[in-house]
Amino acid sequence: MAGQSNVAPIIIKRKKIIQGGGHHGGAWKVAYADFVTAMMAFFMLMWLLNATTEKQRKGIADYFNPTIAVSRVSGGGDGMFGGDSAFTQEQLAKNGTGGSSEDSRAESRNVEEAAKAAAVAAEQQNLSHIESALAGRGGESMTMQRLLRHVVTKVTDEGLVIELFDLPDEPLFVGDTAEPRDQTLRIAALLAEVLALAENEIAVNGYVRTLPITLKNNPNWELSAARAQTMRQMLEADKTPASRIERISGFADRKPATQDQTAVRNNRLEVILLRKFR
């Protein structure tokens, strides 16, 4: 061993590796998951606000904020309150009963709203049915098809609007008067027959075109109102009950149907089958 004293000693170095800051736990994962969930809920809320109607949004809000008690029966215990609830409103719920009077009123309102919604849907379907029935008359004969050239229909918030208008070669009235022509009498009879399919009230509006010259006394107010009155008289003559006529209006030339206010297309009548719920 003495002969090997000049041998260099063997040195072993052990490196201690420290990994960036050590273990910090999984709290950041929980925070990130909460953030992602919140963002998903936010975008879903934005989508719902854009894709639903006011009534649907109210239904969603009522779902998350119920006004009806979850349980309608009391606890039934035999303690201090004998099974009655200390948290009911206006009066305590008795044994075997449940829900406060406020809950009953809320339930009644919900039932009334559901019934009204069903009635509105039924009325909308009825208006569409009448519109289809009127359009279907055009296939009965060439004469009927010719008469319906004067008629267009549309369903609005006010109701079913049936518009009758002049054609360049076939006006509805004689000259600038309220005397109806033969085709106007036949159209009125057709309308009376179709309007009998419902019981809704009726409104009649009269419109005329702007005169090409300016007159000191504008006759358009009287003429539009007189033509609306004539339509009312024709409908009643064809067995439409007078009690269904709610109003008659003359708008002169104040609401033209075309950009050219002097066009004959602006000479028109509107017979409106009014909604009951509006």
C-alpha atoms as a PDB file:
ATOM      1  CA  MET A   1       0.000   0.000   0.000  1.00  0.00           C
ATOM      2  CA  ALA A   2       2.878   2.319   0.664  1.00  0.00           C
ATOM      3  CA  GLY A   3       3.991   1.978  -2.978  1.00  0.00           C
ATOM      4  CA  GLN A   4       0.595   3.427  -4.125  1.00  0.00           C
ATOM      5  CA  SER A   5       0.629   6.589  -2.070  1.00  0.00           C
ATOM      6  CA  ASN A   6       0.940   8.725  -5.201  1.00  0.00           C
ATOM      7  CA  VAL A   7      -2.431   7.508  -6.626  1.00  0.00           C
ATOM      8  CA  ALA A   8      -4.970  10.369  -6.773  1.00  0.00           C
ATOM      9  CA  PRO A   9      -7.961   9.834  -4.488  1.00  0.00           C
ATOM     10  CA  ILE A  10     -11.377   9.212  -6.093  1.00  0.00           C
ATOM     11  CA  ILE A  11     -13.875  12.010  -5.262  1.00  0.00           C
ATOM     12  CA  ILE A  12     -17.643  11.379  -5.806  1.00  0.00           C
ATOM     13  CA  LYS A  13     -19.756  14.519  -6.204  1.00  0.00           C
ATOM     14  CA  ARG A  14     -23.482  14.278  -5.531  1.00  0.00           C
ATOM     15  CA  LYS A  15     -25.595  17.123  -7.038  1.00  0.00           C
ATOM     16  CA  LYS A  16     -28.805  18.063  -5.316  1.00  0.00           C
ATOM     17  CA  ILE A  17     -31.371  19.006  -7.951  1.00  0.00           C
ATOM     18  CA  ILE A  18     -33.963  21.555  -6.809  1.00  0.00           C
ATOM     19  CA  GLN A  19     -37.025  21.678  -9.069  1.00  0.00           C
ATOM     20  CA  GLY A  20     -38.447  25.179  -9.630  1.00  0.00           C
ATOM     21  CA  GLY A  21     -39.936  26.195  -6.353  1.00  0.00           C
ATOM     22  CA  GLY A  22     -41.218  22.827  -5.224  1.00  0.00           C
ATOM     23  CA  HIS A  23     -44.805  21.600  -5.052  1.00  0.00           C
ATOM     24  CA  HIS A  24     -47.503  24.261  -4.663  1.00  0.00           C
ATOM     25  CA  GLY A  25     -50.613  22.059  -4.519  1.00  0.00           C
ATOM     26  CA  GLY A  26     -53.651  21.976  -6.900  1.00  0.00           C
ATOM     27  CA  ALA A  27     -55.502  25.146  -5.823  1.00  0.00           C
ATOM     28  CA  TRP A  28     -54.825  26.825  -9.165  1.00  0.00           C
ATOM     29  CA  LYS A  29     -56.598  23.991 -10.948  1.00  0.00           C
ATOM     30  CA  VAL A  30     -59.738  24.562  -8.896  1.00  0.00           C
ATOM     31  CA  ALA A  31     -59.591  28.299  -9.588  1.00  0.00           C
ATOM     32  CA  TYR A  32     -59.147  27.703 -13.302  1.00  0.00           C
ATOM     33  CA  ALA A  33     -62.050  25.251 -13.388  1.00  0.00           C
ATOM     34  CA  ASP A  34     -64.274  27.812 -11.627  1.00  0.00           C
ATOM     35  CA  PHE A  35     -63.234  30.446 -14.172  1.00  0.00           C
ATOM     36  CA  VAL A  36     -64.036  28.176 -17.142  1.00  0.00           C
ATOM     37  CA  THR A  37     -67.400  27.246 -15.601  1.00  0.00           C
ATOM     38  CA  ALA A  38     -68.250  30.903 -15.028  1.00  0.00           C
ATOM     39  CA  MET A  39     -67.352  31.797 -18.623  1.00  0.00           C
ATOM     40  CA  MET A  40     -69.461  28.944 -19.962  1.00  0.00           C
ATOM     41  CA  ALA A  41     -72.411  30.104 -17.843  1.00  0.00           C
ATOM     42  CA  PHE A  42     -71.895  33.683 -19.067  1.00  0.00           C
ATOM     43  CA  PHE A  43     -71.903  32.728 -22.753  1.00  0.00           C
ATOM     44  CA  MET A  44     -74.933  30.487 -22.215  1.00  0.00           C
ATOM     45  CA  LEU A  45     -76.724  33.442 -20.603  1.00  0.00           C
ATOM     46  CA  MET A  46     -75.865  35.674 -23.572  1.00  0.00           C
ATOM     47  CA  TRP A  47     -77.141  33.007 -25.963  1.00  0.00           C
ATOM     48  CA  LEU A  48     -80.405  32.623 -24.052  1.00  0.00           C
ATOM     49  CA  LEU A  49     -81.004  36.383 -24.012  1.00  0.00           C
ATOM     50  CA  ASN A  50     -80.562  36.500 -27.787  1.00  0.00           C
ATOM     51  CA  ALA A  51     -82.421  33.316 -28.726  1.00  0.00           C
ATOM     52  CA  THR A  52     -85.549  33.517 -26.546  1.00  0.00           C
ATOM     53  CA  THR A  53     -88.676  35.646 -26.441  1.00  0.00           C
ATOM     54  CA  GLU A  54     -89.748  37.836 -23.534  1.00  0.00           C
ATOM     55  CA  LYS A  55     -92.263  35.234 -22.376  1.00  0.00           C
ATOM     56  CA  GLN A  56     -89.678  32.441 -22.521  1.00  0.00           C
ATOM     57  CA  ARG A  57     -87.183  34.545 -20.553  1.00  0.00           C
ATOM     58  CA  LYS A  58     -89.827  35.163 -17.914  1.00  0.00           C
ATOM     59  CA  GLY A  59     -90.453  31.423 -17.675  1.00  0.00           C
ATOM     60  CA  ILE A  60     -86.734  30.757 -17.229  1.00  0.00           C
ATOM     61  CA  ALA A  61     -86.527  33.453 -14.543  1.00  0.00           C
ATOM     62  CA  ASP A  62     -89.526  31.952 -12.719  1.00  0.00           C
ATOM     63  CA  TYR A  63     -87.855  28.539 -12.835  1.00  0.00           C
ATOM     64  CA  PHE A  64     -84.793  29.831 -10.998  1.00  0.00           C
ATOM     65  CA  ASN A  65     -86.886  31.992  -8.645  1.00  0.00           C
ATOM     66  CA  PRO A  66     -89.886  29.813  -7.777  1.00  0.00           C
ATOM     67  CA  THR A  67     -92.783  31.359  -5.884  1.00  0.00           C
ATOM     68  CA  ILE A  68     -94.501  28.047  -5.153  1.00  0.00           C
ATOM     69  CA  ALA A  69     -93.429  26.082  -2.112  1.00  0.00           C
ATOM     70  CA  VAL A  70     -91.443  22.927  -2.836  1.00  0.00           C
ATOM     71  CA  SER A  71     -93.427  20.985  -0.263  1.00  0.00           C
ATOM     72  CA  ARG A  72     -97.094  21.726   0.321  1.00  0.00           C
ATOM     73  CA  VAL A  73     -97.497  19.713   3.499  1.00  0.00           C
ATOM     74  CA  SER A  74     -96.341  20.679   6.966  1.00  0.00           C
ATOM     75  CA  GLY A  75     -93.748  18.802   8.933  1.00  0.00           C
ATOM     76  CA  GLY A  76     -96.342  16.927  10.958  1.00  0.00           C
ATOM     77  CA  GLY A  77     -94.243  16.994  14.096  1.00  0.00           C
ATOM     78  CA  ASP A  78     -95.712  17.083  17.575  1.00  0.00           C
ATOM     79  CA  GLY A  79     -93.368  19.724  18.972  1.00  0.00           C
ATOM     80  CA  MET A  80     -93.937  23.374  19.864  1.00  0.00           C
ATOM     81  CA  PHE A  81     -96.046  24.196  16.800  1.00  0.00           C
ATOM     82  CA  GLY A  82     -97.834  20.864  16.562  1.00  0.00           C
ATOM     83  CA  GLY A  83     -96.705  20.316  13.014  1.00  0.00           C
ATOM     84  CA  ASP A  84     -97.511  23.879  11.861  1.00  0.00           C
ATOM     85  CA  SER A  85     -94.891  25.962  10.088  1.00  0.00           C
ATOM     86  CA  ALA A  86     -93.555  29.118  11.694  1.00  0.00           C
ATOM     87  CA  PHE A  87     -92.527  30.564   8.320  1.00  0.00           C
ATOM     88  CA  THR A  88     -95.826  30.725   6.418  1.00  0.00           C
ATOM     89  CA  GLN A  89     -97.225  34.099   5.445  1.00  0.00           C
ATOM     90  CA  GLU A  90    -100.458  35.689   6.702  1.00  0.00           C
ATOM     91  CA  GLN A  91    -101.551  32.563   8.539  1.00  0.00           C
ATOM     92  CA  LEU A  92     -99.988  29.376   9.821  1.00  0.00           C
ATOM     93  CA  ALA A  93    -100.430  26.222   7.818  1.00  0.00           C
ATOM     94  CA  LYS A  94    -102.602  23.819   9.749  1.00  0.00           C
ATOM     95  CA  ASN A  95    -102.005  20.131  10.267  1.00  0.00           C
ATOM     96  CA  GLY A  96    -102.382  18.207   7.066  1.00  0.00           C
ATOM     97  CA  THR A  97    -102.438  21.354   4.952  1.00  0.00           C
ATOM     98  CA  GLY A  98     -99.592  23.175   3.299  1.00  0.00           C
ATOM     99  CA  GLY A  99     -98.629  26.311   1.425  1.00  0.00           C
ATOM    100  CA  SER A 100     -99.542  29.842   2.387  1.00  0.00           C
ATOM    101  CA  SER A 101    -102.210  32.003   0.797  1.00  0.00           C
ATOM    102  CA  GLU A 102     -99.422  33.747  -1.123  1.00  0.00           C
ATOM    103  CA  ASP A 103     -98.488  30.409  -2.667  1.00  0.00           C
ATOM    104  CA  SER A 104    -102.117  29.848  -3.632  1.00  0.00           C
ATOM    105  CA  ARG A 105    -102.301  33.243  -5.318  1.00  0.00           C
ATOM    106  CA  ALA A 106     -99.051  32.558  -7.174  1.00  0.00           C
ATOM    107  CA  GLU A 107    -100.379  29.216  -8.359  1.00  0.00           C
ATOM    108  CA  SER A 108    -103.622  30.857  -9.463  1.00  0.00           C
ATOM    109  CA  ARG A 109    -101.686  33.479 -11.425  1.00  0.00           C
ATOM    110  CA  ASN A 110     -99.636  30.761 -13.113  1.00  0.00           C
ATOM    111  CA  VAL A 111    -102.806  28.902 -14.073  1.00  0.00           C
ATOM    112  CA  GLU A 112    -104.355  32.102 -15.458  1.00  0.00           C
ATOM    113  CA  GLU A 113    -101.222  32.928 -17.456  1.00  0.00           C
ATOM    114  CA  ALA A 114    -101.109  29.406 -18.878  1.00  0.00           C
ATOM    115  CA  ALA A 115    -104.779  29.636 -19.853  1.00  0.00           C
ATOM    116  CA  LYS A 116    -104.237  33.026 -21.495  1.00  0.00           C
ATOM    117  CA  ALA A 117    -101.202  31.747 -23.414  1.00  0.00           C
ATOM    118  CA  ALA A 118    -103.269  28.810 -24.682  1.00  0.00           C
ATOM    119  CA  ALA A 119    -106.075  31.190 -25.727  1.00  0.00           C
ATOM    120  CA  VAL A 120    -103.615  33.459 -27.569  1.00  0.00           C
ATOM    121  CA  ALA A 121    -102.161  30.470 -29.418  1.00  0.00           C
ATOM    122  CA  ALA A 122    -105.647  29.268 -30.360  1.00  0.00           C
ATOM    123  CA  GLU A 123    -106.587  32.737 -31.608  1.00  0.00           C
ATOM    124  CA  GLN A 124    -103.409  32.960 -33.704  1.00  0.00           C
ATOM    125  CA  GLN A 125    -104.255  29.618 -35.272  1.00  0.00           C
ATOM    126  CA  ASN A 126    -107.813  30.783 -35.975  1.00  0.00           C
ATOM    127  CA  LEU A 127    -106.604  33.977 -37.665  1.00  0.00           C
ATOM    128  CA  SER A 128    -104.244  31.954 -39.849  1.00  0.00           C
ATOM    129  CA  HIS A 129    -107.117  29.599 -40.684  1.00  0.00           C
ATOM    130  CA  ILE A 130    -109.321  32.512 -41.793  1.00  0.00           C
ATOM    131  CA  GLU A 131    -106.480  33.948 -43.876  1.00  0.00           C
ATOM    132  CA  SER A 132    -106.045  30.572 -45.595  1.00  0.00           C
ATOM    133  CA  ALA A 133    -109.796  30.235 -46.135  1.00  0.00           C
ATOM    134  CA  LEU A 134    -109.917  33.614 -47.871  1.00  0.00           C
ATOM    135  CA  ALA A 135    -106.927  32.807 -50.073  1.00  0.00           C
ATOM    136  CA  GLY A 136    -108.447  29.428 -50.949  1.00  0.00           C
ATOM    137  CA  ARG A 137    -111.518  31.061 -52.456  1.00  0.00           C
ATOM    138  CA  GLY A 138    -109.413  32.150 -55.419  1.00  0.00           C
ATOM    139  CA  GLY A 139    -109.411  28.592 -56.744  1.00  0.00           C
ATOM    140  CA  GLU A 140    -113.198  28.324 -56.912  1.00  0.00           C
ATOM    141  CA  SER A 141    -113.664  30.226 -60.180  1.00  0.00           C
ATOM    142  CA  MET A 142    -112.071  32.734 -62.506  1.00  0.00           C
ATOM    143  CA  THR A 143    -114.516  35.366 -61.252  1.00  0.00           C
ATOM    144  CA  MET A 144    -113.473  34.818 -57.664  1.00  0.00           C
ATOM    145  CA  GLN A 145    -109.825  34.863 -58.644  1.00  0.00           C
ATOM    146  CA  ARG A 146    -110.385  38.185 -60.422  1.00  0.00           C
ATOM    147  CA  LEU A 147    -112.021  39.658 -57.327  1.00  0.00           C
ATOM    148  CA  LEU A 148    -109.172  38.556 -55.086  1.00  0.00           C
ATOM    149  CA  ARG A 149    -106.729  40.579 -57.178  1.00  0.00           C
ATOM    150  CA  HIS A 150    -107.936  43.493 -55.062  1.00  0.00           C
ATOM    151  CA  VAL A 151    -107.140  41.722 -51.779  1.00  0.00           C
ATOM    152  CA  VAL A 152    -103.986  41.135 -49.739  1.00  0.00           C
ATOM    153  CA  THR A 153    -103.820  39.872 -46.168  1.00  0.00           C
ATOM    154  CA  LYS A 154    -101.327  39.935 -43.329  1.00  0.00           C
ATOM    155  CA  VAL A 155    -101.347  38.961 -39.645  1.00  0.00           C
ATOM    156  CA  THR A 156    -100.110  41.714 -37.328  1.00  0.00           C
ATOM    157  CA  ASP A 157    -100.069  42.401 -33.596  1.00  0.00           C
ATOM    158  CA  GLU A 158    -103.454  44.078 -34.045  1.00  0.00           C
ATOM    159  CA  GLY A 159    -105.022  41.127 -35.824  1.00  0.00           C
ATOM    160  CA  LEU A 160    -105.745  39.848 -39.333  1.00  0.00           C
ATOM    161  CA  VAL A 161    -105.564  42.801 -41.746  1.00  0.00           C
ATOM    162  CA  ILE A 162    -107.514  42.325 -44.989  1.00  0.00           C
ATOM    163  CA  GLU A 163    -106.600  45.115 -47.408  1.00  0.00           C
ATOM    164  CA  LEU A 164    -108.751  45.999 -50.415  1.00  0.00           C
ATOM    165  CA  PHE A 165    -107.238  48.362 -52.973  1.00  0.00           C
ATOM    166  CA  ASP A 166    -107.865  49.949 -56.357  1.00  0.00           C
ATOM    167  CA  LEU A 167    -106.353  48.508 -59.495  1.00  0.00           C
ATOM    168  CA  PRO A 168    -105.440  50.854 -62.358  1.00  0.00           C
ATOM    169  CA  ASP A 169    -108.222  49.424 -64.541  1.00  0.00           C
ATOM    170  CA  GLU A 170    -110.675  48.485 -61.768  1.00  0.00           C
ATOM    171  CA  PRO A 171    -111.332  50.970 -58.952  1.00  0.00           C
ATOM    172  CA  LEU A 172    -113.412  49.925 -55.958  1.00  0.00           C
ATOM    173  CA  PHE A 173    -115.613  53.047 -56.002  1.00  0.00           C
ATOM    174  CA  VAL A 174    -117.166  55.240 -58.653  1.00  0.00           C
ATOM    175  CA  GLY A 175    -114.816  58.156 -59.252  1.00  0.00           C
ATOM    176  CA  ASP A 176    -113.949  60.185 -56.175  1.00  0.00           C
ATOM    177  CA  THR A 177    -117.089  59.108 -54.344  1.00  0.00           C
ATOM    178  CA  ALA A 178    -118.075  56.505 -51.748  1.00  0.00           C
ATOM    179  CA  GLU A 179    -120.425  54.689 -54.151  1.00  0.00           C
ATOM    180  CA  PRO A 180    -119.230  51.069 -54.425  1.00  0.00           C
ATOM    181  CA  ARG A 181    -118.870  49.313 -57.751  1.00  0.00           C
ATOM    182  CA  ASP A 182    -120.277  45.815 -58.410  1.00  0.00           C
ATOM    183  CA  GLN A 183    -117.000  44.028 -57.671  1.00  0.00           C
ATOM    184  CA  THR A 184    -116.757  45.866 -54.337  1.00  0.00           C
ATOM    185  CA  LEU A 185    -120.184  44.563 -53.332  1.00  0.00           C
ATOM    186  CA  ARG A 186    -119.136  41.008 -54.223  1.00  0.00           C
ATOM    187  CA  ILE A 187    -115.861  41.371 -52.285  1.00  0.00           C
ATOM    188  CA  ALA A 188    -117.789  42.635 -49.241  1.00  0.00           C
ATOM    189  CA  ALA A 189    -120.107  39.613 -49.414  1.00  0.00           C
ATOM    190  CA  LEU A 190    -117.076  37.312 -49.562  1.00  0.00           C
ATOM    191  CA  LEU A 191    -115.485  39.038 -46.564  1.00  0.00           C
ATOM    192  CA  ALA A 192    -118.681  38.769 -44.534  1.00  0.00           C
ATOM    193  CA  GLU A 193    -118.803  35.041 -45.245  1.00  0.00           C
ATOM    194  CA  VAL A 194    -115.185  34.514 -44.179  1.00  0.00           C
ATOM    195  CA  LEU A 195    -115.365  36.801 -41.130  1.00  0.00           C
ATOM    196  CA  ALA A 196    -118.302  34.725 -39.876  1.00  0.00           C
ATOM    197  CA  LEU A 197    -115.780  31.971 -39.070  1.00  0.00           C
ATOM    198  CA  ALA A 198    -114.730  34.002 -36.003  1.00  0.00           C
ATOM    199  CA  GLU A 199    -116.370  36.149 -33.347  1.00  0.00           C
ATOM    200  CA  ASN A 200    -113.633  38.787 -33.010  1.00  0.00           C
ATOM    201  CA  GLU A 201    -114.498  42.458 -33.289  1.00  0.00           C
ATOM    202  CA  ILE A 202    -113.873  44.278 -36.565  1.00  0.00           C
ATOM    203  CA  ALA A 203    -112.320  47.631 -37.439  1.00  0.00           C
ATOM    204  CA  VAL A 204    -112.521  49.373 -40.826  1.00  0.00           C
ATOM    205  CA  ASN A 205    -109.951  51.947 -41.973  1.00  0.00           C
ATOM    206  CA  GLY A 206    -110.241  54.103 -45.100  1.00  0.00           C
ATOM    207  CA  TYR A 207    -107.342  55.621 -47.084  1.00  0.00           C
ATOM    208  CA  VAL A 208    -107.160  57.629 -50.316  1.00  0.00           C
ATOM    209  CA  ARG A 209    -104.382  58.865 -52.570  1.00  0.00           C
ATOM    210  CA  THR A 210    -102.999  62.388 -52.505  1.00  0.00           C
ATOM    211  CA  LEU A 211    -104.642  64.646 -55.052  1.00  0.00           C
ATOM    212  CA  PRO A 212    -102.303  65.857 -57.823  1.00  0.00           C
ATOM    213  CA  ILE A 213    -103.346  69.438 -57.143  1.00  0.00           C
ATOM    214  CA  THR A 214    -103.640  71.348 -53.886  1.00  0.00           C
ATOM    215  CA  LEU A 215    -107.174  72.369 -52.961  1.00  0.00           C
ATOM    216  CA  LYS A 216    -108.227  74.911 -50.381  1.00  0.00           C
ATOM    217  CA  ASN A 217    -110.555  72.374 -48.760  1.00  0.00           C
ATOM    218  CA  ASN A 218    -109.033  68.896 -48.830  1.00  0.00           C
ATOM    219  CA  PRO A 219    -111.896  66.389 -49.381  1.00  0.00           C
ATOM    220  CA  ASN A 220    -109.741  63.358 -48.545  1.00  0.00           C
ATOM    221  CA  TRP A 221    -110.705  63.206 -44.868  1.00  0.00           C
ATOM    222  CA  GLU A 222    -114.418  63.023 -45.605  1.00  0.00           C
ATOM    223  CA  LEU A 223    -113.921  60.675 -48.558  1.00  0.00           C
ATOM    224  CA  SER A 224    -111.760  58.147 -46.669  1.00  0.00           C
ATOM    225  CA  ALA A 225    -114.185  58.115 -43.727  1.00  0.00           C
ATOM    226  CA  ALA A 226    -117.208  57.820 -46.055  1.00  0.00           C
ATOM    227  CA  ARG A 227    -115.698  54.829 -47.863  1.00  0.00           C
ATOM    228  CA  ALA A 228    -114.975  53.122 -44.532  1.00  0.00           C
ATOM    229  CA  GLN A 229    -118.603  53.721 -43.539  1.00  0.00           C
ATOM    230  CA  THR A 230    -119.754  52.255 -46.845  1.00  0.00           C
ATOM    231  CA  MET A 231    -117.742  49.093 -46.194  1.00  0.00           C
ATOM    232  CA  ARG A 232    -119.315  48.818 -42.730  1.00  0.00           C
ATOM    233  CA  GLN A 233    -122.785  49.111 -44.254  1.00  0.00           C
ATOM    234  CA  MET A 234    -121.997  46.458 -46.868  1.00  0.00           C
ATOM    235  CA  LEU A 235    -120.712  44.033 -44.221  1.00  0.00           C
ATOM    236  CA  GLU A 236    -123.792  44.553 -42.071  1.00  0.00           C
ATOM    237  CA  ALA A 237    -126.022  44.119 -45.119  1.00  0.00           C
ATOM    238  CA  ASP A 238    -124.331  40.743 -45.632  1.00  0.00           C
ATOM    239  CA  LYS A 239    -125.303  39.616 -42.078  1.00  0.00           C
ATOM    240  CA  THR A 240    -122.216  40.694 -40.149  1.00  0.00           C
ATOM    241  CA  PRO A 241    -123.571  41.670 -36.672  1.00  0.00           C
ATOM    242  CA  ALA A 242    -123.340  45.417 -36.063  1.00  0.00           C
ATOM    243  CA  SER A 243    -122.135  44.665 -32.513  1.00  0.00           C
ATOM    244  CA  ARG A 244    -118.873  43.291 -33.927  1.00  0.00           C
ATOM    245  CA  ILE A 245    -117.903  46.610 -35.521  1.00  0.00           C
ATOM    246  CA  GLU A 246    -115.613  48.284 -32.993  1.00  0.00           C
ATOM    247  CA  ARG A 247    -114.505  51.370 -34.920  1.00  0.00           C
ATOM    248  CA  ILE A 248    -114.550  53.146 -38.281  1.00  0.00           C
ATOM    249  CA  SER A 249    -111.625  55.430 -39.196  1.00  0.00           C
ATOM    250  CA  GLY A 250    -110.680  57.666 -42.104  1.00  0.00           C
ATOM    251  CA  PHE A 251    -106.976  58.485 -42.523  1.00  0.00           C
ATOM    252  CA  ALA A 252    -107.217  60.587 -45.716  1.00  0.00           C
ATOM    253  CA  ASP A 253    -103.838  60.485 -47.526  1.00  0.00           C
ATOM    254  CA  ARG A 254    -101.717  60.447 -44.355  1.00  0.00           C
ATOM    255  CA  LYS A 255    -100.519  56.826 -44.615  1.00  0.00           C
ATOM    256  CA  PRO A 256     -99.658  56.048 -48.266  1.00  0.00           C
ATOM    257  CA  ALA A 257     -98.946  52.458 -49.236  1.00  0.00           C
ATOM    258  CA  THR A 258     -96.424  53.419 -51.937  1.00  0.00           C
ATOM    259  CA  GLN A 259     -93.703  56.015 -52.385  1.00  0.00           C
ATOM    260  CA  ASP A 260     -95.813  57.685 -55.060  1.00  0.00           C
ATOM    261  CA  GLN A 261     -98.503  59.233 -52.912  1.00  0.00           C
ATOM    262  CA  THR A 262    -100.682  60.017 -55.942  1.00  0.00           C
ATOM    263  CA  ALA A 263    -100.796  56.377 -57.130  1.00  0.00           C
ATOM    264  CA  VAL A 264    -104.210  54.714 -57.213  1.00  0.00           C
ATOM    265  CA  ARG A 265    -102.779  51.900 -55.091  1.00  0.00           C
ATOM    266  CA  ASN A 266    -103.176  54.247 -52.129  1.00  0.00           C
ATOM    267  CA  ASN A 267    -106.969  54.156 -52.534  1.00  0.00           C
ATOM    268  CA  ARG A 268    -107.679  51.301 -50.186  1.00  0.00           C
ATOM    269  CA  LEU A 269    -109.680  49.939 -47.265  1.00  0.00           C
ATOM    270  CA  GLU A 270    -108.492  47.822 -44.338  1.00  0.00           C
ATOM    271  CA  VAL A 271    -110.895  45.395 -42.714  1.00  0.00           C
ATOM    272  CA  ILE A 272    -109.176  44.230 -39.522  1.00  0.00           C
ATOM    273  CA  LEU A 273    -110.236  41.180 -37.547  1.00  0.00           C
ATOM    274  CA  LEU A 274    -109.039  42.363 -34.140  1.00  0.00           C
ATOM    275  CA  ARG A 275    -107.329  40.141 -31.618  1.00  0.00           C
ATOM    276  CA  LYS A 276    -109.133  39.546 -28.344  1.00  0.00           C
ATOM    277  CA  PHE A 277    -105.835  39.515 -26.438  1.00  0.00           C
ATOM    278  CA  ARG A 278    -103.741  42.540 -27.386  1.00  0.00           C
END
